[in-house]
Structure formats: C-alpha cells, structure tokens
Amino acid sequence: MIKKNIKLDNEEQAIEDSFDAFLQGGSLDAVALIEAAKNTGKKSKPVSLRLTESDFTKAHAKALEEGVAYQTLLTSVIHLYLSGMLVRKS
C-alpha cells in the first residue's frame, strides 16, 4: 500500500494508530478475529441463537471495541471454544 503524507486531525490519527496496532496482530483476540474473518467465506450453516438482553448488549459492545460485527465476534468465540483455545478460568 502506498502511504501518502496526509495531515490527520487528532481523532483521525487515533483511529489510524488503533487500526495499525490491530493489524499487527499483537493480541490473540485480534489474531482470532482475523482468522474468523478469513473463514467467513467457507461453507457455514445458519444458526438461530437466543441470548439474554444483557449478554447481547455485552457482545455488541465488545464487537464495537474490536471493530467487527457482533456476529463475527460470536462466531469467533464459538470457534475458539470448540478448538480448545478458549478455556474457562478456574
């Protein structure tokens, strides 16, 4: 990608920095979400899921923090759990 010298305001620079940090894959969450996004095009089954309103709100808020759709976040959590990479704290 060609980078151009464009003057960004403080908010735009914060978004740019956050995006760059996310792409560097520094955390397992970022790596897992990227992997889930890669697997999105693979064959999948539609699933209907009922959540409490508070769980839905928490999932939606976490997804906004991560910059992904809540469906992608929930898919990633399920995938991590089923692959043994997400374990319960004791």
PDB file of N, CA and C in Angstrom:
ATOM      1  N   MET A   1       0.833  -1.165   0.000  1.00  0.00           N
ATOM      2  CA  MET A   1       0.000   0.000   0.000  1.00  0.00           C
ATOM      3  C   MET A   1       0.885   1.238   0.000  1.00  0.00           C
ATOM      4  N   ILE A   2       0.550   2.210  -0.776  1.00  0.00           N
ATOM      5  CA  ILE A   2       1.306   3.453  -0.859  1.00  0.00           C
ATOM      6  C   ILE A   2       0.781   4.402   0.210  1.00  0.00           C
ATOM      7  N   LYS A   3       1.690   4.878   1.046  1.00  0.00           N
ATOM      8  CA  LYS A   3       1.288   5.832   2.077  1.00  0.00           C
ATOM      9  C   LYS A   3       1.526   7.238   1.564  1.00  0.00           C
ATOM     10  N   LYS A   4       0.531   8.073   1.704  1.00  0.00           N
ATOM     11  CA  LYS A   4       0.637   9.465   1.301  1.00  0.00           C
ATOM     12  C   LYS A   4       0.744  10.312   2.557  1.00  0.00           C
ATOM     13  N   ASN A   5       1.419  11.407   2.450  1.00  0.00           N
ATOM     14  CA  ASN A   5       1.551  12.328   3.578  1.00  0.00           C
ATOM     15  C   ASN A   5       0.310  13.200   3.654  1.00  0.00           C
ATOM     16  N   ILE A   6      -0.663  12.723   4.406  1.00  0.00           N
ATOM     17  CA  ILE A   6      -1.911  13.451   4.583  1.00  0.00           C
ATOM     18  C   ILE A   6      -1.978  13.894   6.040  1.00  0.00           C
ATOM     19  N   LYS A   7      -2.314  15.137   6.269  1.00  0.00           N
ATOM     20  CA  LYS A   7      -2.423  15.665   7.628  1.00  0.00           C
ATOM     21  C   LYS A   7      -3.725  15.169   8.246  1.00  0.00           C
ATOM     22  N   LEU A   8      -3.606  14.439   9.357  1.00  0.00           N
ATOM     23  CA  LEU A   8      -4.769  13.923  10.064  1.00  0.00           C
ATOM     24  C   LEU A   8      -4.996  14.730  11.332  1.00  0.00           C
ATOM     25  N   ASP A   9      -6.279  14.917  11.694  1.00  0.00           N
ATOM     26  CA  ASP A   9      -6.538  15.556  12.983  1.00  0.00           C
ATOM     27  C   ASP A   9      -6.332  14.511  14.086  1.00  0.00           C
ATOM     28  N   ASN A  10      -6.457  14.912  15.342  1.00  0.00           N
ATOM     29  CA  ASN A  10      -6.172  14.011  16.463  1.00  0.00           C
ATOM     30  C   ASN A  10      -7.049  12.764  16.451  1.00  0.00           C
ATOM     31  N   GLU A  11      -8.337  12.939  16.175  1.00  0.00           N
ATOM     32  CA  GLU A  11      -9.256  11.799  16.160  1.00  0.00           C
ATOM     33  C   GLU A  11      -8.904  10.836  15.028  1.00  0.00           C
ATOM     34  N   GLU A  12      -8.643  11.362  13.849  1.00  0.00           N
ATOM     35  CA  GLU A  12      -8.274  10.520  12.710  1.00  0.00           C
ATOM     36  C   GLU A  12      -6.966   9.778  12.971  1.00  0.00           C
ATOM     37  N   GLN A  13      -6.006  10.462  13.600  1.00  0.00           N
ATOM     38  CA  GLN A  13      -4.725   9.826  13.910  1.00  0.00           C
ATOM     39  C   GLN A  13      -4.907   8.702  14.923  1.00  0.00           C
ATOM     40  N   ALA A  14      -5.784   8.904  15.906  1.00  0.00           N
ATOM     41  CA  ALA A  14      -6.056   7.864  16.901  1.00  0.00           C
ATOM     42  C   ALA A  14      -6.666   6.637  16.235  1.00  0.00           C
ATOM     43  N   ILE A  15      -7.573   6.859  15.300  1.00  0.00           N
ATOM     44  CA  ILE A  15      -8.185   5.746  14.568  1.00  0.00           C
ATOM     45  C   ILE A  15      -7.133   5.024  13.743  1.00  0.00           C
ATOM     46  N   GLU A  16      -6.292   5.775  13.058  1.00  0.00           N
ATOM     47  CA  GLU A  16      -5.221   5.194  12.242  1.00  0.00           C
ATOM     48  C   GLU A  16      -4.269   4.363  13.100  1.00  0.00           C
ATOM     49  N   ASP A  17      -3.866   4.902  14.252  1.00  0.00           N
ATOM     50  CA  ASP A  17      -2.956   4.187  15.149  1.00  0.00           C
ATOM     51  C   ASP A  17      -3.600   2.911  15.674  1.00  0.00           C
ATOM     52  N   SER A  18      -4.875   3.007  16.040  1.00  0.00           N
ATOM     53  CA  SER A  18      -5.600   1.841  16.544  1.00  0.00           C
ATOM     54  C   SER A  18      -5.689   0.762  15.474  1.00  0.00           C
ATOM     55  N   PHE A  19      -5.969   1.164  14.247  1.00  0.00           N
ATOM     56  CA  PHE A  19      -6.076   0.213  13.141  1.00  0.00           C
ATOM     57  C   PHE A  19      -4.733  -0.455  12.869  1.00  0.00           C
ATOM     58  N   ASP A  20      -3.653   0.328  12.870  1.00  0.00           N
ATOM     59  CA  ASP A  20      -2.315  -0.229  12.650  1.00  0.00           C
ATOM     60  C   ASP A  20      -1.954  -1.230  13.742  1.00  0.00           C
ATOM     61  N   ALA A  21      -2.280  -0.897  14.994  1.00  0.00           N
ATOM     62  CA  ALA A  21      -1.990  -1.809  16.104  1.00  0.00           C
ATOM     63  C   ALA A  21      -2.783  -3.101  15.949  1.00  0.00           C
ATOM     64  N   PHE A  22      -4.035  -2.990  15.510  1.00  0.00           N
ATOM     65  CA  PHE A  22      -4.869  -4.179  15.314  1.00  0.00           C
ATOM     66  C   PHE A  22      -4.284  -5.066  14.221  1.00  0.00           C
ATOM     67  N   LEU A  23      -3.839  -4.475  13.126  1.00  0.00           N
ATOM     68  CA  LEU A  23      -3.301  -5.247  12.009  1.00  0.00           C
ATOM     69  C   LEU A  23      -1.991  -5.942  12.348  1.00  0.00           C
ATOM     70  N   GLN A  24      -1.253  -5.413  13.306  1.00  0.00           N
ATOM     71  CA  GLN A  24      -0.002  -6.043  13.697  1.00  0.00           C
ATOM     72  C   GLN A  24      -0.248  -7.347  14.437  1.00  0.00           C
ATOM     73  N   GLY A  25      -1.493  -7.605  14.843  1.00  0.00           N
ATOM     74  CA  GLY A  25      -1.840  -8.882  15.466  1.00  0.00           C
ATOM     75  C   GLY A  25      -1.171  -9.098  16.804  1.00  0.00           C
ATOM     76  N   GLY A  26      -1.050  -8.054  17.591  1.00  0.00           N
ATOM     77  CA  GLY A  26      -0.377  -8.159  18.866  1.00  0.00           C
ATOM     78  C   GLY A  26      -1.109  -9.005  19.890  1.00  0.00           C
ATOM     79  N   SER A  27      -2.403  -9.157  19.783  1.00  0.00           N
ATOM     80  CA  SER A  27      -3.131  -9.922  20.788  1.00  0.00           C
ATOM     81  C   SER A  27      -3.791 -11.127  20.148  1.00  0.00           C
ATOM     82  N   LEU A  28      -4.045 -12.128  20.971  1.00  0.00           N
ATOM     83  CA  LEU A  28      -4.712 -13.340  20.497  1.00  0.00           C
ATOM     84  C   LEU A  28      -6.092 -13.000  19.954  1.00  0.00           C
ATOM     85  N   ASP A  29      -6.773 -12.029  20.583  1.00  0.00           N
ATOM     86  CA  ASP A  29      -8.105 -11.652  20.129  1.00  0.00           C
ATOM     87  C   ASP A  29      -8.060 -11.144  18.691  1.00  0.00           C
ATOM     88  N   ALA A  30      -7.110 -10.301  18.378  1.00  0.00           N
ATOM     89  CA  ALA A  30      -7.003  -9.766  17.023  1.00  0.00           C
ATOM     90  C   ALA A  30      -6.704 -10.882  16.036  1.00  0.00           C
ATOM     91  N   VAL A  31      -5.790 -11.775  16.404  1.00  0.00           N
ATOM     92  CA  VAL A  31      -5.447 -12.896  15.530  1.00  0.00           C
ATOM     93  C   VAL A  31      -6.663 -13.793  15.327  1.00  0.00           C
ATOM     94  N   ALA A  32      -7.376 -14.083  16.401  1.00  0.00           N
ATOM     95  CA  ALA A  32      -8.550 -14.951  16.311  1.00  0.00           C
ATOM     96  C   ALA A  32      -9.642 -14.319  15.456  1.00  0.00           C
ATOM     97  N   LEU A  33      -9.842 -13.022  15.616  1.00  0.00           N
ATOM     98  CA  LEU A  33     -10.869 -12.347  14.823  1.00  0.00           C
ATOM     99  C   LEU A  33     -10.498 -12.311  13.348  1.00  0.00           C
ATOM    100  N   ILE A  34      -9.226 -12.118  13.053  1.00  0.00           N
ATOM    101  CA  ILE A  34      -8.784 -12.139  11.660  1.00  0.00           C
ATOM    102  C   ILE A  34      -8.975 -13.530  11.077  1.00  0.00           C
ATOM    103  N   GLU A  35      -8.646 -14.556  11.852  1.00  0.00           N
ATOM    104  CA  GLU A  35      -8.832 -15.939  11.397  1.00  0.00           C
ATOM    105  C   GLU A  35     -10.312 -16.230  11.151  1.00  0.00           C
ATOM    106  N   ALA A  36     -11.164 -15.766  12.048  1.00  0.00           N
ATOM    107  CA  ALA A  36     -12.601 -15.965  11.869  1.00  0.00           C
ATOM    108  C   ALA A  36     -13.084 -15.258  10.606  1.00  0.00           C
ATOM    109  N   ALA A  37     -12.558 -14.075  10.352  1.00  0.00           N
ATOM    110  CA  ALA A  37     -12.945 -13.347   9.143  1.00  0.00           C
ATOM    111  C   ALA A  37     -12.512 -14.100   7.892  1.00  0.00           C
ATOM    112  N   LYS A  38     -11.315 -14.714   7.940  1.00  0.00           N
ATOM    113  CA  LYS A  38     -10.848 -15.499   6.797  1.00  0.00           C
ATOM    114  C   LYS A  38     -11.756 -16.693   6.543  1.00  0.00           C
ATOM    115  N   ASN A  39     -12.271 -17.274   7.618  1.00  0.00           N
ATOM    116  CA  ASN A  39     -13.119 -18.455   7.492  1.00  0.00           C
ATOM    117  C   ASN A  39     -14.564 -18.111   7.152  1.00  0.00           C
ATOM    118  N   THR A  40     -14.889 -16.833   7.088  1.00  0.00           N
ATOM    119  CA  THR A  40     -16.258 -16.414   6.826  1.00  0.00           C
ATOM    120  C   THR A  40     -16.750 -16.914   5.473  1.00  0.00           C
ATOM    121  N   GLY A  41     -15.889 -16.925   4.475  1.00  0.00           N
ATOM    122  CA  GLY A  41     -16.282 -17.356   3.142  1.00  0.00           C
ATOM    123  C   GLY A  41     -16.470 -18.853   3.020  1.00  0.00           C
ATOM    124  N   LYS A  42     -16.026 -19.607   4.005  1.00  0.00           N
ATOM    125  CA  LYS A  42     -16.162 -21.053   3.952  1.00  0.00           C
ATOM    126  C   LYS A  42     -17.606 -21.443   4.214  1.00  0.00           C
ATOM    127  N   LYS A  43     -17.931 -22.650   3.820  1.00  0.00           N
ATOM    128  CA  LYS A  43     -19.288 -23.143   3.976  1.00  0.00           C
ATOM    129  C   LYS A  43     -19.718 -23.054   5.437  1.00  0.00           C
ATOM    130  N   SER A  44     -20.880 -22.507   5.667  1.00  0.00           N
ATOM    131  CA  SER A  44     -21.377 -22.371   7.033  1.00  0.00           C
ATOM    132  C   SER A  44     -22.862 -22.689   7.075  1.00  0.00           C
ATOM    133  N   LYS A  45     -23.318 -22.973   8.262  1.00  0.00           N
ATOM    134  CA  LYS A  45     -24.729 -23.268   8.492  1.00  0.00           C
ATOM    135  C   LYS A  45     -25.352 -22.105   9.254  1.00  0.00           C
ATOM    136  N   PRO A  46     -26.532 -21.683   8.856  1.00  0.00           N
ATOM    137  CA  PRO A  46     -27.204 -20.636   9.629  1.00  0.00           C
ATOM    138  C   PRO A  46     -27.683 -21.205  10.966  1.00  0.00           C
ATOM    139  N   VAL A  47     -27.528 -20.414  12.010  1.00  0.00           N
ATOM    140  CA  VAL A  47     -27.914 -20.849  13.351  1.00  0.00           C
ATOM    141  C   VAL A  47     -28.745 -19.752  13.993  1.00  0.00           C
ATOM    142  N   SER A  48     -29.804 -20.161  14.650  1.00  0.00           N
ATOM    143  CA  SER A  48     -30.605 -19.222  15.418  1.00  0.00           C
ATOM    144  C   SER A  48     -30.201 -19.376  16.879  1.00  0.00           C
ATOM    145  N   LEU A  49     -29.960 -18.274  17.534  1.00  0.00           N
ATOM    146  CA  LEU A  49     -29.441 -18.306  18.891  1.00  0.00           C
ATOM    147  C   LEU A  49     -30.205 -17.309  19.743  1.00  0.00           C
ATOM    148  N   ARG A  50     -30.612 -17.723  20.913  1.00  0.00           N
ATOM    149  CA  ARG A  50     -31.302 -16.814  21.827  1.00  0.00           C
ATOM    150  C   ARG A  50     -30.348 -16.422  22.947  1.00  0.00           C
ATOM    151  N   LEU A  51     -30.195 -15.117  23.135  1.00  0.00           N
ATOM    152  CA  LEU A  51     -29.343 -14.577  24.187  1.00  0.00           C
ATOM    153  C   LEU A  51     -30.180 -13.689  25.094  1.00  0.00           C
ATOM    154  N   THR A  52     -29.751 -13.593  26.345  1.00  0.00           N
ATOM    155  CA  THR A  52     -30.405 -12.611  27.206  1.00  0.00           C
ATOM    156  C   THR A  52     -30.058 -11.226  26.665  1.00  0.00           C
ATOM    157  N   GLU A  53     -30.877 -10.274  27.001  1.00  0.00           N
ATOM    158  CA  GLU A  53     -30.640  -8.917  26.506  1.00  0.00           C
ATOM    159  C   GLU A  53     -29.289  -8.386  26.993  1.00  0.00           C
ATOM    160  N   SER A  54     -28.935  -8.711  28.243  1.00  0.00           N
ATOM    161  CA  SER A  54     -27.653  -8.215  28.768  1.00  0.00           C
ATOM    162  C   SER A  54     -26.471  -8.866  28.051  1.00  0.00           C
ATOM    163  N   ASP A  55     -26.553 -10.175  27.739  1.00  0.00           N
ATOM    164  CA  ASP A  55     -25.474 -10.833  27.002  1.00  0.00           C
ATOM    165  C   ASP A  55     -25.352 -10.259  25.592  1.00  0.00           C
ATOM    166  N   PHE A  56     -26.491  -9.996  24.962  1.00  0.00           N
ATOM    167  CA  PHE A  56     -26.460  -9.406  23.624  1.00  0.00           C
ATOM    168  C   PHE A  56     -25.804  -8.025  23.666  1.00  0.00           C
ATOM    169  N   THR A  57     -26.178  -7.231  24.660  1.00  0.00           N
ATOM    170  CA  THR A  57     -25.622  -5.885  24.790  1.00  0.00           C
ATOM    171  C   THR A  57     -24.114  -5.943  25.011  1.00  0.00           C
ATOM    172  N   LYS A  58     -23.665  -6.876  25.864  1.00  0.00           N
ATOM    173  CA  LYS A  58     -22.226  -7.028  26.121  1.00  0.00           C
ATOM    174  C   LYS A  58     -21.491  -7.472  24.854  1.00  0.00           C
ATOM    175  N   ALA A  59     -22.073  -8.427  24.127  1.00  0.00           N
ATOM    176  CA  ALA A  59     -21.447  -8.907  22.889  1.00  0.00           C
ATOM    177  C   ALA A  59     -21.361  -7.779  21.866  1.00  0.00           C
ATOM    178  N   HIS A  60     -22.409  -7.007  21.767  1.00  0.00           N
ATOM    179  CA  HIS A  60     -22.439  -5.898  20.815  1.00  0.00           C
ATOM    180  C   HIS A  60     -21.386  -4.853  21.186  1.00  0.00           C
ATOM    181  N   ALA A  61     -21.264  -4.545  22.473  1.00  0.00           N
ATOM    182  CA  ALA A  61     -20.278  -3.560  22.925  1.00  0.00           C
ATOM    183  C   ALA A  61     -18.853  -4.053  22.668  1.00  0.00           C
ATOM    184  N   LYS A  62     -18.587  -5.330  22.959  1.00  0.00           N
ATOM    185  CA  LYS A  62     -17.252  -5.896  22.717  1.00  0.00           C
ATOM    186  C   LYS A  62     -16.923  -5.863  21.232  1.00  0.00           C
ATOM    187  N   ALA A  63     -17.910  -6.181  20.404  1.00  0.00           N
ATOM    188  CA  ALA A  63     -17.697  -6.171  18.958  1.00  0.00           C
ATOM    189  C   ALA A  63     -17.352  -4.765  18.475  1.00  0.00           C
ATOM    190  N   LEU A  64     -18.030  -3.768  19.010  1.00  0.00           N
ATOM    191  CA  LEU A  64     -17.723  -2.381  18.642  1.00  0.00           C
ATOM    192  C   LEU A  64     -16.300  -2.021  19.050  1.00  0.00           C
ATOM    193  N   GLU A  65     -15.868  -2.483  20.242  1.00  0.00           N
ATOM    194  CA  GLU A  65     -14.492  -2.231  20.693  1.00  0.00           C
ATOM    195  C   GLU A  65     -13.482  -2.846  19.732  1.00  0.00           C
ATOM    196  N   GLU A  66     -13.792  -4.053  19.247  1.00  0.00           N
ATOM    197  CA  GLU A  66     -12.881  -4.774  18.355  1.00  0.00           C
ATOM    198  C   GLU A  66     -13.004  -4.326  16.904  1.00  0.00           C
ATOM    199  N   GLY A  67     -14.081  -3.610  16.597  1.00  0.00           N
ATOM    200  CA  GLY A  67     -14.268  -3.125  15.234  1.00  0.00           C
ATOM    201  C   GLY A  67     -14.800  -4.175  14.277  1.00  0.00           C
ATOM    202  N   VAL A  68     -15.574  -5.126  14.813  1.00  0.00           N
ATOM    203  CA  VAL A  68     -16.163  -6.170  13.976  1.00  0.00           C
ATOM    204  C   VAL A  68     -17.655  -6.252  14.260  1.00  0.00           C
ATOM    205  N   ALA A  69     -18.373  -6.962  13.414  1.00  0.00           N
ATOM    206  CA  ALA A  69     -19.794  -7.193  13.649  1.00  0.00           C
ATOM    207  C   ALA A  69     -19.962  -8.159  14.819  1.00  0.00           C
ATOM    208  N   TYR A  70     -21.059  -8.024  15.558  1.00  0.00           N
ATOM    209  CA  TYR A  70     -21.249  -8.903  16.709  1.00  0.00           C
ATOM    210  C   TYR A  70     -21.372 -10.359  16.282  1.00  0.00           C
ATOM    211  N   GLN A  71     -21.893 -10.612  15.077  1.00  0.00           N
ATOM    212  CA  GLN A  71     -21.985 -11.984  14.587  1.00  0.00           C
ATOM    213  C   GLN A  71     -20.594 -12.586  14.412  1.00  0.00           C
ATOM    214  N   THR A  72     -19.666 -11.792  13.903  1.00  0.00           N
ATOM    215  CA  THR A  72     -18.287 -12.248  13.728  1.00  0.00           C
ATOM    216  C   THR A  72     -17.650 -12.533  15.074  1.00  0.00           C
ATOM    217  N   LEU A  73     -17.895 -11.666  16.043  1.00  0.00           N
ATOM    218  CA  LEU A  73     -17.355 -11.872  17.384  1.00  0.00           C
ATOM    219  C   LEU A  73     -17.882 -13.172  17.984  1.00  0.00           C
ATOM    220  N   LEU A  74     -19.190 -13.388  17.913  1.00  0.00           N
ATOM    221  CA  LEU A  74     -19.775 -14.609  18.478  1.00  0.00           C
ATOM    222  C   LEU A  74     -19.272 -15.848  17.749  1.00  0.00           C
ATOM    223  N   THR A  75     -19.130 -15.772  16.431  1.00  0.00           N
ATOM    224  CA  THR A  75     -18.585 -16.891  15.660  1.00  0.00           C
ATOM    225  C   THR A  75     -17.167 -17.198  16.105  1.00  0.00           C
ATOM    226  N   SER A  76     -16.386 -16.151  16.323  1.00  0.00           N
ATOM    227  CA  SER A  76     -15.002 -16.327  16.758  1.00  0.00           C
ATOM    228  C   SER A  76     -14.930 -16.972  18.138  1.00  0.00           C
ATOM    229  N   VAL A  77     -15.764 -16.527  19.060  1.00  0.00           N
ATOM    230  CA  VAL A  77     -15.778 -17.093  20.414  1.00  0.00           C
ATOM    231  C   VAL A  77     -16.150 -18.570  20.365  1.00  0.00           C
ATOM    232  N   ILE A  78     -17.166 -18.912  19.599  1.00  0.00           N
ATOM    233  CA  ILE A  78     -17.575 -20.315  19.480  1.00  0.00           C
ATOM    234  C   ILE A  78     -16.454 -21.138  18.863  1.00  0.00           C
ATOM    235  N   HIS A  79     -15.835 -20.616  17.810  1.00  0.00           N
ATOM    236  CA  HIS A  79     -14.742 -21.337  17.150  1.00  0.00           C
ATOM    237  C   HIS A  79     -13.568 -21.557  18.109  1.00  0.00           C
ATOM    238  N   LEU A  80     -13.188 -20.518  18.846  1.00  0.00           N
ATOM    239  CA  LEU A  80     -12.083 -20.640  19.800  1.00  0.00           C
ATOM    240  C   LEU A  80     -12.397 -21.675  20.876  1.00  0.00           C
ATOM    241  N   TYR A  81     -13.612 -21.670  21.380  1.00  0.00           N
ATOM    242  CA  TYR A  81     -14.006 -22.629  22.413  1.00  0.00           C
ATOM    243  C   TYR A  81     -13.955 -24.055  21.873  1.00  0.00           C
ATOM    244  N   LEU A  82     -14.515 -24.265  20.702  1.00  0.00           N
ATOM    245  CA  LEU A  82     -14.569 -25.611  20.129  1.00  0.00           C
ATOM    246  C   LEU A  82     -13.197 -26.122  19.713  1.00  0.00           C
ATOM    247  N   SER A  83     -12.279 -25.219  19.398  1.00  0.00           N
ATOM    248  CA  SER A  83     -10.933 -25.645  19.020  1.00  0.00           C
ATOM    249  C   SER A  83     -10.006 -25.750  20.232  1.00  0.00           C
ATOM    250  N   GLY A  84     -10.534 -25.508  21.432  1.00  0.00           N
ATOM    251  CA  GLY A  84      -9.758 -25.663  22.653  1.00  0.00           C
ATOM    252  C   GLY A  84      -8.862 -24.492  22.993  1.00  0.00           C
ATOM    253  N   MET A  85      -8.981 -23.399  22.259  1.00  0.00           N
ATOM    254  CA  MET A  85      -8.129 -22.238  22.514  1.00  0.00           C
ATOM    255  C   MET A  85      -8.755 -21.275  23.521  1.00  0.00           C
ATOM    256  N   LEU A  86     -10.017 -21.470  23.830  1.00  0.00           N
ATOM    257  CA  LEU A  86     -10.708 -20.633  24.809  1.00  0.00           C
ATOM    258  C   LEU A  86     -11.114 -21.550  25.951  1.00  0.00           C
ATOM    259  N   VAL A  87     -10.572 -21.310  27.112  1.00  0.00           N
ATOM    260  CA  VAL A  87     -10.852 -22.180  28.253  1.00  0.00           C
ATOM    261  C   VAL A  87     -11.410 -21.359  29.403  1.00  0.00           C
ATOM    262  N   ARG A  88     -12.136 -22.027  30.259  1.00  0.00           N
ATOM    263  CA  ARG A  88     -12.759 -21.390  31.408  1.00  0.00           C
ATOM    264  C   ARG A  88     -11.708 -21.090  32.469  1.00  0.00           C
ATOM    265  N   LYS A  89     -11.767 -19.902  33.062  1.00  0.00           N
ATOM    266  CA  LYS A  89     -10.852 -19.563  34.154  1.00  0.00           C
ATOM    267  C   LYS A  89     -11.255 -20.359  35.389  1.00  0.00           C
ATOM    268  N   SER A  90     -10.249 -20.799  36.138  1.00  0.00           N
ATOM    269  CA  SER A  90     -10.583 -21.545  37.357  1.00  0.00           C
ATOM    270  C   SER A  90     -10.444 -20.704  38.593  1.00  0.00           C
TER     271      SER A  90
END
